[in-house]
Amino acid sequence: MPLRLVCFTLVVFLFSCSKNPTEPLVASVSFTANGASYSWNEDHSQSANYLTMDIYMATPGTYHLNITNQFTGNLIAQRSVDLTFLTAALTTNTPFTYTVAVAVNPLYPPHQVVVATTTANDLSVVYNGYDVGDFATLTITSIHDQMADGNFTARLTRLSDLAKITITNGSFQNVKIMP
């Protein structure tokens, strides 16, 4: 009889224990652009939100950090960070700096940051790695579970009037590394 009571108590205890639901994994980015702060998150469990937060190989030896948020009706990103970094493999704690050596075609810039608060169709909020000396430096500080954490800085140019934007305090967490 005591063994039955112990077994019954154990079974009741096991069924009464509830497992805490795991928190959804959230990717995030934040940075300061000419003194204004920007940040946003993406819940990886939400597949229909059309946000993109990933690192992918564009060509052998070239990776992109691509982070977007709040698409407009015609799927133009309202805010985005798209930085190119040259490396054959993703490594941690190595600053990857890609500086524009000669002016490039503005349709295919190596870096782009969009800092719109209302619409991305406004070219006054689009800055590219277009002008000589424009750069982005990206450091991956951690790689875990096919995701990366890191930080970045950049100096980019607005094509319409060649105004500069300086990106500081850039950081990203839990950004997917695409195969």
C-alpha atoms as a PDB file:
ATOM      1  CA  MET A   1       0.000   0.000   0.000  1.00  0.00           C
ATOM      2  CA  PRO A   2       2.707   2.589   0.803  1.00  0.00           C
ATOM      3  CA  LEU A   3       4.338   1.904  -2.586  1.00  0.00           C
ATOM      4  CA  ARG A   4       1.028   2.606  -4.322  1.00  0.00           C
ATOM      5  CA  LEU A   5       0.673   5.851  -2.416  1.00  0.00           C
ATOM      6  CA  VAL A   6       4.217   6.901  -3.315  1.00  0.00           C
ATOM      7  CA  CYS A   7       3.645   6.049  -6.997  1.00  0.00           C
ATOM      8  CA  PHE A   8       0.311   7.862  -7.047  1.00  0.00           C
ATOM      9  CA  THR A   9       1.866  10.929  -5.400  1.00  0.00           C
ATOM     10  CA  LEU A  10       4.736  10.863  -7.874  1.00  0.00           C
ATOM     11  CA  VAL A  11       2.378  10.606 -10.877  1.00  0.00           C
ATOM     12  CA  VAL A  12       0.197  13.460  -9.579  1.00  0.00           C
ATOM     13  CA  PHE A  13       3.310  15.574  -8.970  1.00  0.00           C
ATOM     14  CA  LEU A  14       4.671  14.948 -12.467  1.00  0.00           C
ATOM     15  CA  PHE A  15       1.357  15.831 -14.149  1.00  0.00           C
ATOM     16  CA  SER A  16       0.930  18.929 -12.031  1.00  0.00           C
ATOM     17  CA  CYS A  17       4.320  20.301 -13.032  1.00  0.00           C
ATOM     18  CA  SER A  18       3.846  22.617 -15.917  1.00  0.00           C
ATOM     19  CA  LYS A  19       6.620  23.400 -18.253  1.00  0.00           C
ATOM     20  CA  ASN A  20       7.195  27.109 -18.723  1.00  0.00           C
ATOM     21  CA  PRO A  21       6.548  28.012 -22.326  1.00  0.00           C
ATOM     22  CA  THR A  22       9.739  29.065 -23.998  1.00  0.00           C
ATOM     23  CA  GLU A  23      10.062  32.705 -24.855  1.00  0.00           C
ATOM     24  CA  PRO A  24       9.962  33.379 -28.589  1.00  0.00           C
ATOM     25  CA  LEU A  25      13.399  34.065 -29.969  1.00  0.00           C
ATOM     26  CA  VAL A  26      13.602  37.715 -30.921  1.00  0.00           C
ATOM     27  CA  ALA A  27      16.124  39.271 -33.282  1.00  0.00           C
ATOM     28  CA  SER A  28      16.901  42.926 -32.713  1.00  0.00           C
ATOM     29  CA  VAL A  29      18.893  45.819 -34.102  1.00  0.00           C
ATOM     30  CA  SER A  30      19.646  49.261 -32.760  1.00  0.00           C
ATOM     31  CA  PHE A  31      21.860  52.125 -33.881  1.00  0.00           C
ATOM     32  CA  THR A  32      22.298  55.876 -33.780  1.00  0.00           C
ATOM     33  CA  ALA A  33      22.317  57.841 -37.039  1.00  0.00           C
ATOM     34  CA  ASN A  34      23.471  61.462 -36.807  1.00  0.00           C
ATOM     35  CA  GLY A  35      22.221  61.565 -33.226  1.00  0.00           C
ATOM     36  CA  ALA A  36      18.791  59.946 -33.803  1.00  0.00           C
ATOM     37  CA  SER A  37      18.164  56.495 -32.298  1.00  0.00           C
ATOM     38  CA  TYR A  38      16.579  53.621 -34.211  1.00  0.00           C
ATOM     39  CA  SER A  39      15.708  50.109 -33.072  1.00  0.00           C
ATOM     40  CA  TRP A  40      13.336  47.306 -33.905  1.00  0.00           C
ATOM     41  CA  ASN A  41      12.766  43.594 -33.230  1.00  0.00           C
ATOM     42  CA  GLU A  42      11.623  40.530 -35.097  1.00  0.00           C
ATOM     43  CA  ASP A  43       9.995  37.530 -33.464  1.00  0.00           C
ATOM     44  CA  HIS A  44      11.422  34.527 -35.373  1.00  0.00           C
ATOM     45  CA  SER A  45       8.215  32.576 -34.752  1.00  0.00           C
ATOM     46  CA  GLN A  46       6.183  35.042 -36.854  1.00  0.00           C
ATOM     47  CA  SER A  47       6.640  33.924 -40.449  1.00  0.00           C
ATOM     48  CA  ALA A  48       4.153  36.277 -42.102  1.00  0.00           C
ATOM     49  CA  ASN A  49       5.532  39.615 -40.979  1.00  0.00           C
ATOM     50  CA  TYR A  50       7.734  40.147 -44.077  1.00  0.00           C
ATOM     51  CA  LEU A  51      10.597  41.358 -41.939  1.00  0.00           C
ATOM     52  CA  THR A  52      14.086  40.252 -42.786  1.00  0.00           C
ATOM     53  CA  MET A  53      16.900  39.858 -40.329  1.00  0.00           C
ATOM     54  CA  ASP A  54      19.637  37.679 -41.715  1.00  0.00           C
ATOM     55  CA  ILE A  55      23.241  37.311 -42.709  1.00  0.00           C
ATOM     56  CA  TYR A  56      23.754  35.599 -46.048  1.00  0.00           C
ATOM     57  CA  MET A  57      26.547  34.899 -48.520  1.00  0.00           C
ATOM     58  CA  ALA A  58      25.961  37.040 -51.615  1.00  0.00           C
ATOM     59  CA  THR A  59      28.929  35.647 -53.558  1.00  0.00           C
ATOM     60  CA  PRO A  60      31.909  33.624 -52.390  1.00  0.00           C
ATOM     61  CA  GLY A  61      33.900  35.934 -50.142  1.00  0.00           C
ATOM     62  CA  THR A  62      31.048  38.443 -49.689  1.00  0.00           C
ATOM     63  CA  TYR A  63      28.398  38.437 -46.966  1.00  0.00           C
ATOM     64  CA  HIS A  64      25.527  40.828 -46.252  1.00  0.00           C
ATOM     65  CA  LEU A  65      23.917  41.833 -42.994  1.00  0.00           C
ATOM     66  CA  ASN A  66      20.338  42.557 -44.075  1.00  0.00           C
ATOM     67  CA  ILE A  67      17.861  43.920 -41.523  1.00  0.00           C
ATOM     68  CA  THR A  68      14.559  45.499 -42.573  1.00  0.00           C
ATOM     69  CA  ASN A  69      11.359  46.622 -40.890  1.00  0.00           C
ATOM     70  CA  GLN A  70       7.989  48.122 -41.778  1.00  0.00           C
ATOM     71  CA  PHE A  71       7.565  47.609 -45.482  1.00  0.00           C
ATOM     72  CA  THR A  72       5.392  50.026 -47.417  1.00  0.00           C
ATOM     73  CA  GLY A  73       2.532  48.847 -49.635  1.00  0.00           C
ATOM     74  CA  ASN A  74       4.854  48.153 -52.554  1.00  0.00           C
ATOM     75  CA  LEU A  75       7.298  46.238 -50.332  1.00  0.00           C
ATOM     76  CA  ILE A  76       9.966  48.952 -50.102  1.00  0.00           C
ATOM     77  CA  ALA A  77      11.601  48.825 -46.711  1.00  0.00           C
ATOM     78  CA  GLN A  78      10.753  51.816 -44.547  1.00  0.00           C
ATOM     79  CA  ARG A  79      13.797  51.223 -42.341  1.00  0.00           C
ATOM     80  CA  SER A  80      16.724  49.008 -43.186  1.00  0.00           C
ATOM     81  CA  VAL A  81      20.374  48.251 -42.702  1.00  0.00           C
ATOM     82  CA  ASP A  82      22.161  46.419 -45.527  1.00  0.00           C
ATOM     83  CA  LEU A  83      25.914  46.190 -45.023  1.00  0.00           C
ATOM     84  CA  THR A  84      28.417  44.245 -47.092  1.00  0.00           C
ATOM     85  CA  PHE A  85      31.448  42.636 -45.539  1.00  0.00           C
ATOM     86  CA  LEU A  86      34.208  40.758 -47.295  1.00  0.00           C
ATOM     87  CA  THR A  87      35.242  37.437 -45.809  1.00  0.00           C
ATOM     88  CA  ALA A  88      35.440  33.810 -46.842  1.00  0.00           C
ATOM     89  CA  ALA A  89      34.045  32.645 -43.487  1.00  0.00           C
ATOM     90  CA  LEU A  90      32.132  34.118 -40.589  1.00  0.00           C
ATOM     91  CA  THR A  91      34.386  34.499 -37.564  1.00  0.00           C
ATOM     92  CA  THR A  92      33.907  36.174 -34.222  1.00  0.00           C
ATOM     93  CA  ASN A  93      35.687  39.223 -32.860  1.00  0.00           C
ATOM     94  CA  THR A  94      37.203  40.201 -36.225  1.00  0.00           C
ATOM     95  CA  PRO A  95      36.214  43.650 -37.500  1.00  0.00           C
ATOM     96  CA  PHE A  96      35.259  43.397 -41.158  1.00  0.00           C
ATOM     97  CA  THR A  97      35.644  46.824 -42.774  1.00  0.00           C
ATOM     98  CA  TYR A  98      34.595  47.498 -46.345  1.00  0.00           C
ATOM     99  CA  THR A  99      35.486  50.995 -47.570  1.00  0.00           C
ATOM    100  CA  VAL A 100      34.449  52.379 -50.964  1.00  0.00           C
ATOM    101  CA  ALA A 101      37.658  53.038 -52.938  1.00  0.00           C
ATOM    102  CA  VAL A 102      36.049  54.585 -56.043  1.00  0.00           C
ATOM    103  CA  ALA A 103      32.545  56.016 -56.521  1.00  0.00           C
ATOM    104  CA  VAL A 104      30.160  53.170 -57.335  1.00  0.00           C
ATOM    105  CA  ASN A 105      26.936  52.839 -59.267  1.00  0.00           C
ATOM    106  CA  PRO A 106      24.237  54.101 -56.869  1.00  0.00           C
ATOM    107  CA  LEU A 107      21.919  51.304 -58.047  1.00  0.00           C
ATOM    108  CA  TYR A 108      24.332  48.706 -56.608  1.00  0.00           C
ATOM    109  CA  PRO A 109      25.937  50.232 -53.516  1.00  0.00           C
ATOM    110  CA  PRO A 110      27.818  47.939 -51.150  1.00  0.00           C
ATOM    111  CA  HIS A 111      26.044  49.455 -48.125  1.00  0.00           C
ATOM    112  CA  GLN A 112      22.660  51.077 -47.570  1.00  0.00           C
ATOM    113  CA  VAL A 113      20.781  52.431 -44.565  1.00  0.00           C
ATOM    114  CA  VAL A 114      17.194  53.705 -44.752  1.00  0.00           C
ATOM    115  CA  VAL A 115      16.051  55.747 -41.756  1.00  0.00           C
ATOM    116  CA  ALA A 116      12.488  56.653 -42.727  1.00  0.00           C
ATOM    117  CA  THR A 117       9.837  57.230 -40.117  1.00  0.00           C
ATOM    118  CA  THR A 118       6.948  57.579 -42.549  1.00  0.00           C
ATOM    119  CA  THR A 119       7.747  56.265 -46.018  1.00  0.00           C
ATOM    120  CA  ALA A 120      10.764  54.817 -47.773  1.00  0.00           C
ATOM    121  CA  ASN A 121       9.826  56.447 -51.065  1.00  0.00           C
ATOM    122  CA  ASP A 122      11.476  59.607 -49.736  1.00  0.00           C
ATOM    123  CA  LEU A 123      15.056  59.538 -51.047  1.00  0.00           C
ATOM    124  CA  SER A 124      16.116  62.011 -48.359  1.00  0.00           C
ATOM    125  CA  VAL A 125      16.221  59.105 -45.879  1.00  0.00           C
ATOM    126  CA  VAL A 126      18.251  56.700 -48.041  1.00  0.00           C
ATOM    127  CA  TYR A 127      22.033  56.649 -47.533  1.00  0.00           C
ATOM    128  CA  ASN A 128      24.409  54.498 -49.570  1.00  0.00           C
ATOM    129  CA  GLY A 129      28.026  53.461 -49.642  1.00  0.00           C
ATOM    130  CA  TYR A 130      28.416  55.457 -52.827  1.00  0.00           C
ATOM    131  CA  ASP A 131      31.116  58.068 -52.282  1.00  0.00           C
ATOM    132  CA  VAL A 132      34.855  57.451 -51.938  1.00  0.00           C
ATOM    133  CA  GLY A 133      35.631  56.883 -48.267  1.00  0.00           C
ATOM    134  CA  ASP A 134      32.149  55.644 -47.323  1.00  0.00           C
ATOM    135  CA  PHE A 135      32.542  52.575 -45.155  1.00  0.00           C
ATOM    136  CA  ALA A 136      30.950  50.062 -42.864  1.00  0.00           C
ATOM    137  CA  THR A 137      32.670  48.082 -40.137  1.00  0.00           C
ATOM    138  CA  LEU A 138      30.902  45.027 -38.780  1.00  0.00           C
ATOM    139  CA  THR A 139      32.079  42.761 -35.965  1.00  0.00           C
ATOM    140  CA  ILE A 140      30.385  39.466 -35.142  1.00  0.00           C
ATOM    141  CA  THR A 141      30.809  38.989 -31.406  1.00  0.00           C
ATOM    142  CA  SER A 142      28.974  35.668 -31.069  1.00  0.00           C
ATOM    143  CA  ILE A 143      27.681  32.858 -33.272  1.00  0.00           C
ATOM    144  CA  HIS A 144      25.105  30.568 -31.675  1.00  0.00           C
ATOM    145  CA  ASP A 145      22.304  28.318 -32.911  1.00  0.00           C
ATOM    146  CA  GLN A 146      22.818  29.443 -36.556  1.00  0.00           C
ATOM    147  CA  MET A 147      22.455  33.069 -35.424  1.00  0.00           C
ATOM    148  CA  ALA A 148      24.863  35.930 -34.872  1.00  0.00           C
ATOM    149  CA  ASP A 149      25.254  38.860 -32.505  1.00  0.00           C
ATOM    150  CA  GLY A 150      27.493  41.814 -33.193  1.00  0.00           C
ATOM    151  CA  ASN A 151      27.991  45.502 -33.700  1.00  0.00           C
ATOM    152  CA  PHE A 152      28.553  47.925 -36.571  1.00  0.00           C
ATOM    153  CA  THR A 153      29.442  51.474 -37.541  1.00  0.00           C
ATOM    154  CA  ALA A 154      29.268  53.232 -40.892  1.00  0.00           C
ATOM    155  CA  ARG A 155      29.569  56.486 -42.765  1.00  0.00           C
ATOM    156  CA  LEU A 156      27.349  56.761 -45.818  1.00  0.00           C
ATOM    157  CA  THR A 157      26.204  59.358 -48.350  1.00  0.00           C
ATOM    158  CA  ARG A 158      22.778  60.560 -49.471  1.00  0.00           C
ATOM    159  CA  LEU A 159      22.882  60.563 -53.268  1.00  0.00           C
ATOM    160  CA  SER A 160      20.569  63.548 -53.776  1.00  0.00           C
ATOM    161  CA  ASP A 161      22.854  66.111 -52.098  1.00  0.00           C
ATOM    162  CA  LEU A 162      25.932  64.124 -50.931  1.00  0.00           C
ATOM    163  CA  ALA A 163      25.052  64.734 -47.262  1.00  0.00           C
ATOM    164  CA  LYS A 164      26.771  62.275 -44.920  1.00  0.00           C
ATOM    165  CA  ILE A 165      25.285  60.116 -42.207  1.00  0.00           C
ATOM    166  CA  THR A 166      27.328  58.570 -39.424  1.00  0.00           C
ATOM    167  CA  ILE A 167      26.066  55.336 -37.893  1.00  0.00           C
ATOM    168  CA  THR A 168      27.326  54.633 -34.366  1.00  0.00           C
ATOM    169  CA  ASN A 169      26.426  52.263 -31.541  1.00  0.00           C
ATOM    170  CA  GLY A 170      25.054  49.740 -34.021  1.00  0.00           C
ATOM    171  CA  SER A 171      24.250  46.363 -32.543  1.00  0.00           C
ATOM    172  CA  PHE A 172      22.322  43.270 -33.568  1.00  0.00           C
ATOM    173  CA  GLN A 173      21.295  40.117 -31.705  1.00  0.00           C
ATOM    174  CA  ASN A 174      19.917  36.742 -32.808  1.00  0.00           C
ATOM    175  CA  VAL A 175      20.181  37.483 -36.534  1.00  0.00           C
ATOM    176  CA  LYS A 176      19.769  34.288 -38.569  1.00  0.00           C
ATOM    177  CA  ILE A 177      22.713  33.032 -40.587  1.00  0.00           C
ATOM    178  CA  MET A 178      21.275  31.731 -43.834  1.00  0.00           C
ATOM    179  CA  PRO A 179      22.772  28.654 -45.514  1.00  0.00           C
END
